[in-house]
Amino acid sequence: MAKKYALLLDLKNDPHLIAEYEKYHQNVPDEIVKSIKDSGIISLDIYRWENRLFMTLVTEDDFSFERKKQMDEANPHVLRWEELMWNYQQALPGVETGEKWQLMQRICEL
């Protein structure tokens, strides 16, 4: 059975940067898509409201954020992509410096 996750992150509140960020995500490089799929993520969706991003993941049963982090740290394509994306992103209020996507806690499922 697949697992589902929801995560949040903010973009810098600049319409030009937000537009650039969205443009990058209209054509995500093949190497990045491959790394996502190889980590056990079945589907990934990102939604935006103003400068706040909401991401959903559907993953294989054995998916782990720790393993994905290890895979990402060993992949130069992902490291470059993450560095580029950080030009547009900013941490949520109250989050440690440099932390990105924050895992949300499910409080209701119908």
N, C-alpha and C. Protein backbone atom coordinates (compact mmCIF):
# COMPACT_ATOMS: atom_id res chain seq x y z
N MET A 1 0.84 -1.19 0.00
CA MET A 1 0.00 0.00 0.00
C MET A 1 0.89 1.24 0.00
N ALA A 2 0.56 2.20 -0.80
CA ALA A 2 1.35 3.43 -0.92
C ALA A 2 1.18 4.31 0.31
N LYS A 3 2.20 5.14 0.55
CA LYS A 3 2.16 6.12 1.63
C LYS A 3 1.92 7.49 1.01
N LYS A 4 1.29 8.38 1.79
CA LYS A 4 1.05 9.75 1.34
C LYS A 4 1.68 10.72 2.34
N TYR A 5 2.26 11.80 1.80
CA TYR A 5 2.87 12.84 2.62
C TYR A 5 2.46 14.20 2.08
N ALA A 6 2.46 15.19 2.97
CA ALA A 6 2.21 16.59 2.59
C ALA A 6 3.32 17.43 3.22
N LEU A 7 3.86 18.37 2.44
CA LEU A 7 4.96 19.21 2.91
C LEU A 7 4.70 20.66 2.51
N LEU A 8 5.31 21.58 3.26
CA LEU A 8 5.18 23.02 3.01
C LEU A 8 6.53 23.67 2.85
N LEU A 9 6.56 24.75 2.09
CA LEU A 9 7.74 25.59 1.93
C LEU A 9 7.28 26.92 1.39
N ASP A 10 8.02 27.98 1.69
CA ASP A 10 7.71 29.30 1.15
C ASP A 10 8.69 29.68 0.05
N LEU A 11 8.18 30.45 -0.90
CA LEU A 11 9.03 31.10 -1.89
C LEU A 11 9.31 32.52 -1.41
N LYS A 12 10.37 33.09 -1.91
CA LYS A 12 10.62 34.51 -1.66
C LYS A 12 9.45 35.28 -2.27
N ASN A 13 8.97 36.26 -1.56
CA ASN A 13 7.75 36.95 -1.98
C ASN A 13 8.06 38.02 -3.02
N ASP A 14 8.41 37.56 -4.21
CA ASP A 14 8.77 38.43 -5.33
C ASP A 14 8.13 37.83 -6.58
N PRO A 15 7.18 38.53 -7.19
CA PRO A 15 6.46 37.98 -8.34
C PRO A 15 7.37 37.50 -9.48
N HIS A 16 8.47 38.22 -9.72
CA HIS A 16 9.40 37.81 -10.78
C HIS A 16 10.05 36.47 -10.43
N LEU A 17 10.52 36.32 -9.19
CA LEU A 17 11.14 35.06 -8.76
C LEU A 17 10.14 33.92 -8.75
N ILE A 18 8.92 34.19 -8.34
CA ILE A 18 7.88 33.16 -8.32
C ILE A 18 7.61 32.67 -9.75
N ALA A 19 7.54 33.61 -10.69
CA ALA A 19 7.32 33.24 -12.09
C ALA A 19 8.48 32.39 -12.62
N GLU A 20 9.71 32.75 -12.28
CA GLU A 20 10.86 31.95 -12.71
C GLU A 20 10.81 30.55 -12.11
N TYR A 21 10.47 30.46 -10.84
CA TYR A 21 10.38 29.17 -10.15
C TYR A 21 9.36 28.27 -10.86
N GLU A 22 8.20 28.85 -11.18
CA GLU A 22 7.18 28.07 -11.87
C GLU A 22 7.65 27.64 -13.26
N LYS A 23 8.37 28.51 -13.93
CA LYS A 23 8.88 28.16 -15.26
C LYS A 23 9.84 26.96 -15.18
N TYR A 24 10.72 26.96 -14.19
CA TYR A 24 11.63 25.81 -14.02
C TYR A 24 10.84 24.52 -13.82
N HIS A 25 9.71 24.61 -13.12
CA HIS A 25 8.94 23.41 -12.82
C HIS A 25 8.02 22.97 -13.94
N GLN A 26 7.96 23.73 -15.02
CA GLN A 26 7.21 23.30 -16.20
C GLN A 26 8.02 22.32 -17.04
N ASN A 27 9.34 22.27 -16.81
CA ASN A 27 10.20 21.37 -17.55
C ASN A 27 11.34 20.91 -16.64
N VAL A 28 10.99 20.09 -15.66
CA VAL A 28 11.98 19.59 -14.71
C VAL A 28 12.96 18.68 -15.45
N PRO A 29 14.27 18.87 -15.24
CA PRO A 29 15.25 18.04 -15.94
C PRO A 29 15.05 16.54 -15.70
N ASP A 30 15.32 15.76 -16.73
CA ASP A 30 15.15 14.31 -16.65
C ASP A 30 15.92 13.69 -15.48
N GLU A 31 17.11 14.21 -15.19
CA GLU A 31 17.92 13.65 -14.10
C GLU A 31 17.23 13.84 -12.75
N ILE A 32 16.50 14.95 -12.61
CA ILE A 32 15.79 15.21 -11.35
C ILE A 32 14.57 14.31 -11.25
N VAL A 33 13.84 14.16 -12.33
CA VAL A 33 12.68 13.26 -12.34
C VAL A 33 13.13 11.84 -12.03
N LYS A 34 14.23 11.41 -12.63
CA LYS A 34 14.75 10.06 -12.38
C LYS A 34 15.11 9.87 -10.91
N SER A 35 15.76 10.87 -10.31
CA SER A 35 16.14 10.74 -8.90
C SER A 35 14.91 10.65 -8.00
N ILE A 36 13.86 11.36 -8.36
CA ILE A 36 12.62 11.32 -7.58
C ILE A 36 12.01 9.93 -7.68
N LYS A 37 11.88 9.42 -8.89
CA LYS A 37 11.30 8.09 -9.10
C LYS A 37 12.16 6.99 -8.45
N ASP A 38 13.49 7.11 -8.61
CA ASP A 38 14.39 6.10 -8.04
C ASP A 38 14.32 6.03 -6.52
N SER A 39 13.91 7.12 -5.88
CA SER A 39 13.85 7.14 -4.41
C SER A 39 12.58 6.46 -3.88
N GLY A 40 11.65 6.10 -4.78
CA GLY A 40 10.43 5.45 -4.34
C GLY A 40 9.21 6.36 -4.35
N ILE A 41 9.35 7.56 -4.92
CA ILE A 41 8.22 8.47 -5.04
C ILE A 41 7.46 8.12 -6.31
N ILE A 42 6.18 7.80 -6.15
CA ILE A 42 5.33 7.42 -7.27
C ILE A 42 4.78 8.66 -7.96
N SER A 43 4.33 9.62 -7.18
CA SER A 43 3.83 10.87 -7.74
C SER A 43 4.16 12.02 -6.79
N LEU A 44 4.33 13.19 -7.39
CA LEU A 44 4.68 14.40 -6.67
C LEU A 44 3.91 15.54 -7.31
N ASP A 45 3.19 16.30 -6.50
CA ASP A 45 2.47 17.48 -6.97
C ASP A 45 2.83 18.66 -6.10
N ILE A 46 3.03 19.82 -6.72
CA ILE A 46 3.29 21.05 -5.98
C ILE A 46 2.20 22.05 -6.34
N TYR A 47 1.61 22.65 -5.31
CA TYR A 47 0.59 23.68 -5.47
C TYR A 47 1.13 24.97 -4.85
N ARG A 48 0.63 26.12 -5.36
CA ARG A 48 1.08 27.39 -4.82
C ARG A 48 -0.11 28.27 -4.47
N TRP A 49 -0.02 28.93 -3.35
CA TRP A 49 -0.92 30.02 -2.98
C TRP A 49 -0.02 31.17 -2.54
N GLU A 50 -0.14 32.29 -3.27
CA GLU A 50 0.74 33.43 -3.02
C GLU A 50 2.19 32.93 -3.11
N ASN A 51 2.94 33.04 -1.99
CA ASN A 51 4.32 32.55 -2.02
C ASN A 51 4.48 31.26 -1.21
N ARG A 52 3.38 30.64 -0.81
CA ARG A 52 3.45 29.39 -0.05
C ARG A 52 3.25 28.20 -0.98
N LEU A 53 4.11 27.20 -0.84
CA LEU A 53 4.03 25.97 -1.62
C LEU A 53 3.52 24.83 -0.75
N PHE A 54 2.72 23.97 -1.36
CA PHE A 54 2.20 22.77 -0.73
C PHE A 54 2.52 21.61 -1.66
N MET A 55 3.23 20.61 -1.15
CA MET A 55 3.63 19.48 -1.98
C MET A 55 3.02 18.20 -1.42
N THR A 56 2.51 17.38 -2.32
CA THR A 56 2.04 16.05 -1.93
C THR A 56 2.93 15.01 -2.58
N LEU A 57 3.19 13.96 -1.83
CA LEU A 57 3.95 12.82 -2.32
C LEU A 57 3.13 11.55 -2.11
N VAL A 58 3.15 10.69 -3.09
CA VAL A 58 2.66 9.32 -2.94
C VAL A 58 3.88 8.46 -3.18
N THR A 59 4.17 7.57 -2.23
CA THR A 59 5.42 6.80 -2.28
C THR A 59 5.17 5.31 -2.17
N GLU A 60 6.20 4.56 -2.55
CA GLU A 60 6.22 3.13 -2.30
C GLU A 60 6.24 2.89 -0.79
N ASP A 61 5.86 1.69 -0.38
CA ASP A 61 5.84 1.34 1.04
C ASP A 61 7.19 1.53 1.73
N ASP A 62 8.26 1.21 1.02
CA ASP A 62 9.58 1.23 1.66
C ASP A 62 10.29 2.58 1.53
N PHE A 63 9.59 3.62 1.07
CA PHE A 63 10.20 4.95 0.94
C PHE A 63 10.62 5.47 2.31
N SER A 64 11.78 6.14 2.33
CA SER A 64 12.20 6.83 3.56
C SER A 64 12.87 8.15 3.17
N PHE A 65 12.58 9.18 3.95
CA PHE A 65 13.20 10.48 3.72
C PHE A 65 14.70 10.41 3.94
N GLU A 66 15.13 9.58 4.88
CA GLU A 66 16.57 9.44 5.15
C GLU A 66 17.29 8.87 3.93
N ARG A 67 16.72 7.81 3.34
CA ARG A 67 17.35 7.22 2.15
C ARG A 67 17.35 8.21 0.99
N LYS A 68 16.25 8.94 0.81
CA LYS A 68 16.19 9.94 -0.26
C LYS A 68 17.25 11.00 -0.04
N LYS A 69 17.43 11.45 1.19
CA LYS A 69 18.45 12.46 1.49
C LYS A 69 19.84 11.94 1.13
N GLN A 70 20.13 10.70 1.46
CA GLN A 70 21.43 10.10 1.13
C GLN A 70 21.61 10.03 -0.38
N MET A 71 20.58 9.62 -1.09
CA MET A 71 20.66 9.54 -2.55
C MET A 71 20.89 10.93 -3.15
N ASP A 72 20.16 11.92 -2.64
CA ASP A 72 20.28 13.30 -3.14
C ASP A 72 21.69 13.84 -2.92
N GLU A 73 22.24 13.59 -1.74
CA GLU A 73 23.58 14.11 -1.41
C GLU A 73 24.67 13.48 -2.27
N ALA A 74 24.39 12.33 -2.87
CA ALA A 74 25.36 11.65 -3.73
C ALA A 74 25.12 11.93 -5.21
N ASN A 75 24.14 12.77 -5.52
CA ASN A 75 23.77 13.02 -6.92
C ASN A 75 24.08 14.48 -7.27
N PRO A 76 25.11 14.72 -8.10
CA PRO A 76 25.48 16.10 -8.45
C PRO A 76 24.37 16.87 -9.17
N HIS A 77 23.52 16.18 -9.93
CA HIS A 77 22.41 16.85 -10.61
C HIS A 77 21.41 17.40 -9.59
N VAL A 78 21.10 16.59 -8.58
CA VAL A 78 20.16 17.02 -7.54
C VAL A 78 20.77 18.15 -6.72
N LEU A 79 22.05 18.05 -6.39
CA LEU A 79 22.70 19.11 -5.62
C LEU A 79 22.65 20.45 -6.36
N ARG A 80 22.91 20.43 -7.67
CA ARG A 80 22.83 21.66 -8.46
C ARG A 80 21.40 22.19 -8.52
N TRP A 81 20.43 21.29 -8.72
CA TRP A 81 19.02 21.69 -8.77
C TRP A 81 18.60 22.34 -7.44
N GLU A 82 18.95 21.69 -6.33
CA GLU A 82 18.58 22.22 -5.01
C GLU A 82 19.23 23.58 -4.75
N GLU A 83 20.47 23.72 -5.17
CA GLU A 83 21.14 25.01 -5.01
C GLU A 83 20.44 26.09 -5.84
N LEU A 84 20.07 25.76 -7.06
CA LEU A 84 19.34 26.70 -7.91
C LEU A 84 17.98 27.05 -7.30
N MET A 85 17.24 26.05 -6.83
CA MET A 85 15.91 26.30 -6.27
C MET A 85 15.97 27.15 -5.01
N TRP A 86 17.05 27.06 -4.26
CA TRP A 86 17.17 27.83 -3.02
C TRP A 86 17.23 29.34 -3.32
N ASN A 87 17.55 29.71 -4.55
CA ASN A 87 17.50 31.13 -4.94
C ASN A 87 16.08 31.67 -4.90
N TYR A 88 15.09 30.78 -4.98
CA TYR A 88 13.68 31.17 -5.02
C TYR A 88 12.95 30.85 -3.72
N GLN A 89 13.49 29.95 -2.95
CA GLN A 89 12.82 29.44 -1.75
C GLN A 89 13.33 30.15 -0.50
N GLN A 90 12.51 30.08 0.55
CA GLN A 90 12.94 30.55 1.86
C GLN A 90 12.29 29.64 2.91
N ALA A 91 12.95 29.53 4.04
CA ALA A 91 12.44 28.67 5.10
C ALA A 91 11.15 29.22 5.68
N LEU A 92 10.31 28.33 6.15
CA LEU A 92 9.09 28.73 6.84
C LEU A 92 9.46 29.42 8.16
N PRO A 93 8.59 30.28 8.68
CA PRO A 93 8.86 30.91 9.97
C PRO A 93 9.06 29.85 11.06
N GLY A 94 10.06 30.07 11.90
CA GLY A 94 10.32 29.17 13.02
C GLY A 94 11.12 27.94 12.68
N VAL A 95 11.60 27.83 11.45
CA VAL A 95 12.36 26.66 11.02
C VAL A 95 13.85 27.00 11.07
N GLU A 96 14.66 26.01 11.37
CA GLU A 96 16.10 26.20 11.42
C GLU A 96 16.63 26.70 10.08
N THR A 97 17.67 27.51 10.13
CA THR A 97 18.30 28.05 8.92
C THR A 97 18.71 26.91 7.99
N GLY A 98 18.37 27.07 6.71
CA GLY A 98 18.75 26.09 5.70
C GLY A 98 17.78 24.94 5.53
N GLU A 99 16.82 24.79 6.44
CA GLU A 99 15.84 23.71 6.28
C GLU A 99 14.82 24.12 5.24
N LYS A 100 14.44 23.18 4.42
CA LYS A 100 13.52 23.46 3.33
C LYS A 100 12.14 22.91 3.62
N TRP A 101 11.70 21.99 2.80
CA TRP A 101 10.35 21.44 2.91
C TRP A 101 10.10 20.87 4.30
N GLN A 102 8.94 21.23 4.88
CA GLN A 102 8.57 20.76 6.20
C GLN A 102 7.40 19.79 6.10
N LEU A 103 7.59 18.64 6.71
CA LEU A 103 6.57 17.59 6.69
C LEU A 103 5.39 18.01 7.57
N MET A 104 4.19 17.91 7.00
CA MET A 104 2.98 18.25 7.73
C MET A 104 2.42 17.02 8.42
N GLN A 105 1.74 17.26 9.52
CA GLN A 105 1.09 16.18 10.27
C GLN A 105 -0.35 16.05 9.81
N ARG A 106 -0.74 14.85 9.43
CA ARG A 106 -2.14 14.61 9.04
C ARG A 106 -2.99 14.67 10.30
N ILE A 107 -4.06 15.43 10.27
CA ILE A 107 -4.95 15.53 11.41
C ILE A 107 -6.35 15.00 11.11
N CYS A 108 -6.62 14.73 9.84
CA CYS A 108 -7.95 14.21 9.48
C CYS A 108 -7.83 13.46 8.15
N GLU A 109 -8.48 12.31 8.09
CA GLU A 109 -8.56 11.56 6.84
C GLU A 109 -9.95 10.95 6.76
N LEU A 110 -10.67 11.25 5.71
CA LEU A 110 -12.03 10.72 5.53
C LEU A 110 -12.06 9.72 4.39
